[in-house]
Structures are given as structure tokens and as C-alpha cells.
Amino acid sequence: MAEKKLNRLKVILAEKNLSNKWLSEQLGVGQATISKWVTNSSQPNLEMLLRMSECLQVSLEELVRFDALPKIEKKKITYKT
């Protein structure tokens, strides 16, 4: 079964009840940039990751780790013809 990893930034923002707008204001970047990071359309550079970890009060490791994320499983559906 295919598995999809959730975006860690999205999870942390939700856990802390923070918005993309709030983070964009803290980092001095546009909301569109945050949206791209949250949807995995693009990735922040190391400097931005460090600034994000400070703003969100999480370690850099917590911000970028993948193993602790819950995984969404997709079920294969077969149809009879």
C-alpha cells in the first residue's frame, strides 16, 4: 500500500494553533511561501529552518524529522467488470 507522509511544519502549526499568516509575519516572507512549504511544493533553506525552529519553539530535529509522523495508508480498490 502506498503511504503518504504528512508535512511536519503543517503538523506543528496545527498543534500550536498557529496560522500560516502568523509564521509568514514572524519570518518576513509571504504567505504564499509558507503555503508552498506546508504543501511540499518547495522546501525552505537551512537558514529559514533555523528561524522557523526558533519561532515555533521546537528543535530543528523536531521540525525536519519524518519518522515520528503518522502515515496515511491508501487502500487499493478493485472493481469487478
PDB file of N, CA and C in Angstrom:
ATOM      1  N   MET A   1       0.825  -1.184   0.000  1.00  0.00           N
ATOM      2  CA  MET A   1       0.000   0.000   0.000  1.00  0.00           C
ATOM      3  C   MET A   1       0.869   1.247   0.000  1.00  0.00           C
ATOM      4  N   ALA A   2       0.460   2.220  -0.745  1.00  0.00           N
ATOM      5  CA  ALA A   2       1.210   3.468  -0.805  1.00  0.00           C
ATOM      6  C   ALA A   2       0.993   4.255   0.480  1.00  0.00           C
ATOM      7  N   GLU A   3       2.051   4.904   0.948  1.00  0.00           N
ATOM      8  CA  GLU A   3       1.954   5.701   2.155  1.00  0.00           C
ATOM      9  C   GLU A   3       2.307   7.142   1.829  1.00  0.00           C
ATOM     10  N   LYS A   4       1.623   8.074   2.481  1.00  0.00           N
ATOM     11  CA  LYS A   4       1.898   9.490   2.276  1.00  0.00           C
ATOM     12  C   LYS A   4       2.352  10.085   3.600  1.00  0.00           C
ATOM     13  N   LYS A   5       3.473  10.769   3.587  1.00  0.00           N
ATOM     14  CA  LYS A   5       3.968  11.402   4.796  1.00  0.00           C
ATOM     15  C   LYS A   5       3.362  12.796   4.914  1.00  0.00           C
ATOM     16  N   LEU A   6       2.936  13.135   6.112  1.00  0.00           N
ATOM     17  CA  LEU A   6       2.421  14.470   6.358  1.00  0.00           C
ATOM     18  C   LEU A   6       3.581  15.436   6.496  1.00  0.00           C
ATOM     19  N   ASN A   7       3.333  16.688   6.223  1.00  0.00           N
ATOM     20  CA  ASN A   7       4.342  17.720   6.347  1.00  0.00           C
ATOM     21  C   ASN A   7       4.489  18.095   7.816  1.00  0.00           C
ATOM     22  N   ARG A   8       5.693  18.024   8.337  1.00  0.00           N
ATOM     23  CA  ARG A   8       5.944  18.289   9.758  1.00  0.00           C
ATOM     24  C   ARG A   8       5.591  19.724  10.132  1.00  0.00           C
ATOM     25  N   LEU A   9       5.876  20.679   9.259  1.00  0.00           N
ATOM     26  CA  LEU A   9       5.543  22.076   9.536  1.00  0.00           C
ATOM     27  C   LEU A   9       4.038  22.230   9.718  1.00  0.00           C
ATOM     28  N   LYS A  10       3.279  21.604   8.863  1.00  0.00           N
ATOM     29  CA  LYS A  10       1.814  21.668   8.953  1.00  0.00           C
ATOM     30  C   LYS A  10       1.330  21.108  10.290  1.00  0.00           C
ATOM     31  N   VAL A  11       1.911  19.998  10.706  1.00  0.00           N
ATOM     32  CA  VAL A  11       1.531  19.360  11.967  1.00  0.00           C
ATOM     33  C   VAL A  11       1.863  20.269  13.152  1.00  0.00           C
ATOM     34  N   ILE A  12       3.049  20.851  13.158  1.00  0.00           N
ATOM     35  CA  ILE A  12       3.463  21.713  14.273  1.00  0.00           C
ATOM     36  C   ILE A  12       2.586  22.956  14.349  1.00  0.00           C
ATOM     37  N   LEU A  13       2.305  23.577  13.211  1.00  0.00           N
ATOM     38  CA  LEU A  13       1.424  24.750  13.213  1.00  0.00           C
ATOM     39  C   LEU A  13       0.056  24.393  13.786  1.00  0.00           C
ATOM     40  N   ALA A  14      -0.481  23.250  13.396  1.00  0.00           N
ATOM     41  CA  ALA A  14      -1.795  22.822  13.893  1.00  0.00           C
ATOM     42  C   ALA A  14      -1.746  22.541  15.396  1.00  0.00           C
ATOM     43  N   GLU A  15      -0.698  21.866  15.851  1.00  0.00           N
ATOM     44  CA  GLU A  15      -0.566  21.556  17.279  1.00  0.00           C
ATOM     45  C   GLU A  15      -0.501  22.815  18.132  1.00  0.00           C
ATOM     46  N   LYS A  16       0.119  23.856  17.601  1.00  0.00           N
ATOM     47  CA  LYS A  16       0.291  25.099  18.350  1.00  0.00           C
ATOM     48  C   LYS A  16      -0.795  26.135  18.037  1.00  0.00           C
ATOM     49  N   ASN A  17      -1.780  25.737  17.244  1.00  0.00           N
ATOM     50  CA  ASN A  17      -2.867  26.640  16.839  1.00  0.00           C
ATOM     51  C   ASN A  17      -2.337  27.935  16.223  1.00  0.00           C
ATOM     52  N   LEU A  18      -1.347  27.799  15.359  1.00  0.00           N
ATOM     53  CA  LEU A  18      -0.756  28.947  14.671  1.00  0.00           C
ATOM     54  C   LEU A  18      -1.112  28.888  13.195  1.00  0.00           C
ATOM     55  N   SER A  19      -1.179  30.045  12.575  1.00  0.00           N
ATOM     56  CA  SER A  19      -1.557  30.113  11.163  1.00  0.00           C
ATOM     57  C   SER A  19      -0.338  30.325  10.270  1.00  0.00           C
ATOM     58  N   ASN A  20      -0.539  30.058   8.998  1.00  0.00           N
ATOM     59  CA  ASN A  20       0.492  30.350   8.002  1.00  0.00           C
ATOM     60  C   ASN A  20       0.796  31.845   8.008  1.00  0.00           C
ATOM     61  N   LYS A  21      -0.244  32.654   8.178  1.00  0.00           N
ATOM     62  CA  LYS A  21      -0.073  34.114   8.193  1.00  0.00           C
ATOM     63  C   LYS A  21       0.840  34.528   9.343  1.00  0.00           C
ATOM     64  N   TRP A  22       0.612  33.968  10.524  1.00  0.00           N
ATOM     65  CA  TRP A  22       1.441  34.298  11.681  1.00  0.00           C
ATOM     66  C   TRP A  22       2.903  33.969  11.397  1.00  0.00           C
ATOM     67  N   LEU A  23       3.152  32.767  10.867  1.00  0.00           N
ATOM     68  CA  LEU A  23       4.525  32.357  10.593  1.00  0.00           C
ATOM     69  C   LEU A  23       5.155  33.233   9.521  1.00  0.00           C
ATOM     70  N   SER A  24       4.384  33.597   8.504  1.00  0.00           N
ATOM     71  CA  SER A  24       4.928  34.456   7.445  1.00  0.00           C
ATOM     72  C   SER A  24       5.341  35.811   8.011  1.00  0.00           C
ATOM     73  N   GLU A  25       4.551  36.344   8.946  1.00  0.00           N
ATOM     74  CA  GLU A  25       4.888  37.627   9.576  1.00  0.00           C
ATOM     75  C   GLU A  25       6.142  37.505  10.437  1.00  0.00           C
ATOM     76  N   GLN A  26       6.279  36.407  11.148  1.00  0.00           N
ATOM     77  CA  GLN A  26       7.449  36.191  12.002  1.00  0.00           C
ATOM     78  C   GLN A  26       8.734  36.064  11.189  1.00  0.00           C
ATOM     79  N   LEU A  27       8.624  35.421  10.023  1.00  0.00           N
ATOM     80  CA  LEU A  27       9.810  35.158   9.200  1.00  0.00           C
ATOM     81  C   LEU A  27      10.068  36.229   8.155  1.00  0.00           C
ATOM     82  N   GLY A  28       9.083  37.102   7.936  1.00  0.00           N
ATOM     83  CA  GLY A  28       9.248  38.150   6.927  1.00  0.00           C
ATOM     84  C   GLY A  28       9.183  37.622   5.505  1.00  0.00           C
ATOM     85  N   VAL A  29       8.374  36.593   5.301  1.00  0.00           N
ATOM     86  CA  VAL A  29       8.171  36.043   3.955  1.00  0.00           C
ATOM     87  C   VAL A  29       6.678  36.077   3.650  1.00  0.00           C
ATOM     88  N   GLY A  30       6.328  35.901   2.402  1.00  0.00           N
ATOM     89  CA  GLY A  30       4.927  35.923   2.005  1.00  0.00           C
ATOM     90  C   GLY A  30       4.177  34.675   2.442  1.00  0.00           C
ATOM     91  N   GLN A  31       2.860  34.820   2.569  1.00  0.00           N
ATOM     92  CA  GLN A  31       2.025  33.676   2.927  1.00  0.00           C
ATOM     93  C   GLN A  31       2.100  32.585   1.866  1.00  0.00           C
ATOM     94  N   ALA A  32       2.300  32.988   0.613  1.00  0.00           N
ATOM     95  CA  ALA A  32       2.411  32.006  -0.472  1.00  0.00           C
ATOM     96  C   ALA A  32       3.633  31.110  -0.263  1.00  0.00           C
ATOM     97  N   THR A  33       4.702  31.688   0.255  1.00  0.00           N
ATOM     98  CA  THR A  33       5.914  30.908   0.531  1.00  0.00           C
ATOM     99  C   THR A  33       5.644  29.866   1.609  1.00  0.00           C
ATOM    100  N   ILE A  34       4.981  30.278   2.677  1.00  0.00           N
ATOM    101  CA  ILE A  34       4.640  29.336   3.753  1.00  0.00           C
ATOM    102  C   ILE A  34       3.739  28.236   3.209  1.00  0.00           C
ATOM    103  N   SER A  35       2.773  28.617   2.393  1.00  0.00           N
ATOM    104  CA  SER A  35       1.849  27.646   1.802  1.00  0.00           C
ATOM    105  C   SER A  35       2.603  26.607   0.976  1.00  0.00           C
ATOM    106  N   LYS A  36       3.601  27.043   0.228  1.00  0.00           N
ATOM    107  CA  LYS A  36       4.404  26.107  -0.571  1.00  0.00           C
ATOM    108  C   LYS A  36       5.173  25.141   0.323  1.00  0.00           C
ATOM    109  N   TRP A  37       5.676  25.639   1.451  1.00  0.00           N
ATOM    110  CA  TRP A  37       6.397  24.770   2.379  1.00  0.00           C
ATOM    111  C   TRP A  37       5.450  23.760   3.018  1.00  0.00           C
ATOM    112  N   VAL A  38       4.256  24.218   3.386  1.00  0.00           N
ATOM    113  CA  VAL A  38       3.275  23.350   4.046  1.00  0.00           C
ATOM    114  C   VAL A  38       2.755  22.266   3.105  1.00  0.00           C
ATOM    115  N   THR A  39       2.664  22.579   1.822  1.00  0.00           N
ATOM    116  CA  THR A  39       2.148  21.613   0.842  1.00  0.00           C
ATOM    117  C   THR A  39       3.261  20.852   0.120  1.00  0.00           C
ATOM    118  N   ASN A  40       4.496  21.050   0.552  1.00  0.00           N
ATOM    119  CA  ASN A  40       5.661  20.392  -0.053  1.00  0.00           C
ATOM    120  C   ASN A  40       5.893  20.776  -1.506  1.00  0.00           C
ATOM    121  N   SER A  41       5.392  21.945  -1.924  1.00  0.00           N
ATOM    122  CA  SER A  41       5.664  22.424  -3.283  1.00  0.00           C
ATOM    123  C   SER A  41       7.094  22.929  -3.398  1.00  0.00           C
ATOM    124  N   SER A  42       7.636  23.415  -2.285  1.00  0.00           N
ATOM    125  CA  SER A  42       9.037  23.821  -2.227  1.00  0.00           C
ATOM    126  C   SER A  42       9.519  23.615  -0.799  1.00  0.00           C
ATOM    127  N   GLN A  43      10.812  23.732  -0.602  1.00  0.00           N
ATOM    128  CA  GLN A  43      11.401  23.491   0.711  1.00  0.00           C
ATOM    129  C   GLN A  43      12.191  24.718   1.161  1.00  0.00           C
ATOM    130  N   PRO A  44      12.124  25.052   2.442  1.00  0.00           N
ATOM    131  CA  PRO A  44      12.908  26.181   2.956  1.00  0.00           C
ATOM    132  C   PRO A  44      14.389  25.814   3.029  1.00  0.00           C
ATOM    133  N   ASN A  45      15.231  26.840   2.961  1.00  0.00           N
ATOM    134  CA  ASN A  45      16.666  26.596   3.107  1.00  0.00           C
ATOM    135  C   ASN A  45      17.005  26.442   4.592  1.00  0.00           C
ATOM    136  N   LEU A  46      18.237  26.112   4.889  1.00  0.00           N
ATOM    137  CA  LEU A  46      18.648  25.849   6.266  1.00  0.00           C
ATOM    138  C   LEU A  46      18.453  27.071   7.158  1.00  0.00           C
ATOM    139  N   GLU A  47      18.767  28.246   6.648  1.00  0.00           N
ATOM    140  CA  GLU A  47      18.592  29.468   7.440  1.00  0.00           C
ATOM    141  C   GLU A  47      17.129  29.634   7.863  1.00  0.00           C
ATOM    142  N   MET A  48      16.209  29.412   6.934  1.00  0.00           N
ATOM    143  CA  MET A  48      14.782  29.533   7.250  1.00  0.00           C
ATOM    144  C   MET A  48      14.345  28.445   8.224  1.00  0.00           C
ATOM    145  N   LEU A  49      14.873  27.239   8.064  1.00  0.00           N
ATOM    146  CA  LEU A  49      14.541  26.166   9.002  1.00  0.00           C
ATOM    147  C   LEU A  49      14.970  26.531  10.422  1.00  0.00           C
ATOM    148  N   LEU A  50      16.148  27.117  10.556  1.00  0.00           N
ATOM    149  CA  LEU A  50      16.626  27.537  11.873  1.00  0.00           C
ATOM    150  C   LEU A  50      15.739  28.628  12.454  1.00  0.00           C
ATOM    151  N   ARG A  51      15.364  29.596  11.628  1.00  0.00           N
ATOM    152  CA  ARG A  51      14.480  30.675  12.094  1.00  0.00           C
ATOM    153  C   ARG A  51      13.105  30.129  12.470  1.00  0.00           C
ATOM    154  N   MET A  52      12.590  29.176  11.670  1.00  0.00           N
ATOM    155  CA  MET A  52      11.295  28.566  11.981  1.00  0.00           C
ATOM    156  C   MET A  52      11.347  27.831  13.312  1.00  0.00           C
ATOM    157  N   SER A  53      12.419  27.087  13.540  1.00  0.00           N
ATOM    158  CA  SER A  53      12.511  26.331  14.793  1.00  0.00           C
ATOM    159  C   SER A  53      12.510  27.274  15.992  1.00  0.00           C
ATOM    160  N   GLU A  54      13.143  28.443  15.853  1.00  0.00           N
ATOM    161  CA  GLU A  54      13.128  29.433  16.932  1.00  0.00           C
ATOM    162  C   GLU A  54      11.727  30.003  17.132  1.00  0.00           C
ATOM    163  N   CYS A  55      11.079  30.397  16.052  1.00  0.00           N
ATOM    164  CA  CYS A  55       9.729  30.978  16.135  1.00  0.00           C
ATOM    165  C   CYS A  55       8.724  29.992  16.716  1.00  0.00           C
ATOM    166  N   LEU A  56       8.838  28.743  16.313  1.00  0.00           N
ATOM    167  CA  LEU A  56       7.878  27.723  16.736  1.00  0.00           C
ATOM    168  C   LEU A  56       8.272  27.062  18.055  1.00  0.00           C
ATOM    169  N   GLN A  57       9.442  27.424  18.574  1.00  0.00           N
ATOM    170  CA  GLN A  57       9.962  26.883  19.828  1.00  0.00           C
ATOM    171  C   GLN A  57      10.032  25.357  19.804  1.00  0.00           C
ATOM    172  N   VAL A  58      10.598  24.856  18.711  1.00  0.00           N
ATOM    173  CA  VAL A  58      10.859  23.425  18.566  1.00  0.00           C
ATOM    174  C   VAL A  58      12.300  23.267  18.092  1.00  0.00           C
ATOM    175  N   SER A  59      12.863  22.110  18.312  1.00  0.00           N
ATOM    176  CA  SER A  59      14.224  21.875  17.838  1.00  0.00           C
ATOM    177  C   SER A  59      14.213  21.710  16.319  1.00  0.00           C
ATOM    178  N   LEU A  60      15.349  21.944  15.716  1.00  0.00           N
ATOM    179  CA  LEU A  60      15.480  21.746  14.275  1.00  0.00           C
ATOM    180  C   LEU A  60      15.183  20.294  13.923  1.00  0.00           C
ATOM    181  N   GLU A  61      15.652  19.384  14.763  1.00  0.00           N
ATOM    182  CA  GLU A  61      15.402  17.956  14.531  1.00  0.00           C
ATOM    183  C   GLU A  61      13.899  17.656  14.521  1.00  0.00           C
ATOM    184  N   GLU A  62      13.168  18.231  15.458  1.00  0.00           N
ATOM    185  CA  GLU A  62      11.721  18.003  15.516  1.00  0.00           C
ATOM    186  C   GLU A  62      11.023  18.565  14.283  1.00  0.00           C
ATOM    187  N   LEU A  63      11.537  19.670  13.781  1.00  0.00           N
ATOM    188  CA  LEU A  63      10.934  20.313  12.617  1.00  0.00           C
ATOM    189  C   LEU A  63      11.129  19.503  11.338  1.00  0.00           C
ATOM    190  N   VAL A  64      12.256  18.812  11.217  1.00  0.00           N
ATOM    191  CA  VAL A  64      12.551  18.126   9.952  1.00  0.00           C
ATOM    192  C   VAL A  64      12.445  16.606  10.006  1.00  0.00           C
ATOM    193  N   ARG A  65      12.242  16.033  11.161  1.00  0.00           N
ATOM    194  CA  ARG A  65      12.197  14.564  11.220  1.00  0.00           C
ATOM    195  C   ARG A  65      10.944  14.022  10.540  1.00  0.00           C
ATOM    196  N   PHE A  66      11.081  12.834  10.006  1.00  0.00           N
ATOM    197  CA  PHE A  66       9.983  12.213   9.278  1.00  0.00           C
ATOM    198  C   PHE A  66       9.463  10.964   9.979  1.00  0.00           C
ATOM    199  N   ASP A  67      10.295  10.313  10.760  1.00  0.00           N
ATOM    200  CA  ASP A  67       9.907   9.036  11.348  1.00  0.00           C
ATOM    201  C   ASP A  67       8.776   9.134  12.365  1.00  0.00           C
ATOM    202  N   ALA A  68       8.597  10.269  13.008  1.00  0.00           N
ATOM    203  CA  ALA A  68       7.576  10.392  14.049  1.00  0.00           C
ATOM    204  C   ALA A  68       6.210  10.797  13.503  1.00  0.00           C
ATOM    205  N   LEU A  69       6.124  11.041  12.220  1.00  0.00           N
ATOM    206  CA  LEU A  69       4.854  11.463  11.641  1.00  0.00           C
ATOM    207  C   LEU A  69       3.916  10.285  11.444  1.00  0.00           C
ATOM    208  N   PRO A  70       2.649  10.511  11.703  1.00  0.00           N
ATOM    209  CA  PRO A  70       1.694   9.449  11.375  1.00  0.00           C
ATOM    210  C   PRO A  70       1.624   9.296   9.867  1.00  0.00           C
ATOM    211  N   LYS A  71       1.393   8.089   9.414  1.00  0.00           N
ATOM    212  CA  LYS A  71       1.335   7.847   7.976  1.00  0.00           C
ATOM    213  C   LYS A  71      -0.091   7.542   7.564  1.00  0.00           C
ATOM    214  N   ILE A  72      -0.454   8.026   6.416  1.00  0.00           N
ATOM    215  CA  ILE A  72      -1.781   7.782   5.871  1.00  0.00           C
ATOM    216  C   ILE A  72      -1.660   6.660   4.856  1.00  0.00           C
ATOM    217  N   GLU A  73      -2.416   5.620   5.066  1.00  0.00           N
ATOM    218  CA  GLU A  73      -2.369   4.499   4.135  1.00  0.00           C
ATOM    219  C   GLU A  73      -3.485   4.625   3.115  1.00  0.00           C
ATOM    220  N   LYS A  74      -3.145   4.357   1.882  1.00  0.00           N
ATOM    221  CA  LYS A  74      -4.148   4.343   0.824  1.00  0.00           C
ATOM    222  C   LYS A  74      -4.467   2.897   0.500  1.00  0.00           C
ATOM    223  N   LYS A  75      -5.740   2.585   0.453  1.00  0.00           N
ATOM    224  CA  LYS A  75      -6.156   1.228   0.135  1.00  0.00           C
ATOM    225  C   LYS A  75      -6.368   1.098  -1.363  1.00  0.00           C
ATOM    226  N   LYS A  76      -5.950  -0.024  -1.868  1.00  0.00           N
ATOM    227  CA  LYS A  76      -6.155  -0.301  -3.282  1.00  0.00           C
ATOM    228  C   LYS A  76      -7.581  -0.807  -3.465  1.00  0.00           C
ATOM    229  N   ILE A  77      -8.293  -0.186  -4.369  1.00  0.00           N
ATOM    230  CA  ILE A  77      -9.681  -0.566  -4.633  1.00  0.00           C
ATOM    231  C   ILE A  77      -9.731  -1.296  -5.963  1.00  0.00           C
ATOM    232  N   THR A  78     -10.346  -2.456  -5.951  1.00  0.00           N
ATOM    233  CA  THR A  78     -10.506  -3.211  -7.197  1.00  0.00           C
ATOM    234  C   THR A  78     -11.983  -3.262  -7.547  1.00  0.00           C
ATOM    235  N   TYR A  79     -12.243  -3.230  -8.816  1.00  0.00           N
ATOM    236  CA  TYR A  79     -13.614  -3.247  -9.311  1.00  0.00           C
ATOM    237  C   TYR A  79     -13.838  -4.495 -10.155  1.00  0.00           C
ATOM    238  N   LYS A  80     -15.007  -5.074 -10.014  1.00  0.00           N
ATOM    239  CA  LYS A  80     -15.366  -6.214 -10.852  1.00  0.00           C
ATOM    240  C   LYS A  80     -15.991  -5.689 -12.129  1.00  0.00           C
ATOM    241  N   THR A  81     -15.631  -6.303 -13.230  1.00  0.00           N
ATOM    242  CA  THR A  81     -16.218  -5.884 -14.512  1.00  0.00           C
ATOM    243  C   THR A  81     -17.086  -6.952 -15.095  1.00  0.00           C
TER     244      THR A  81
END
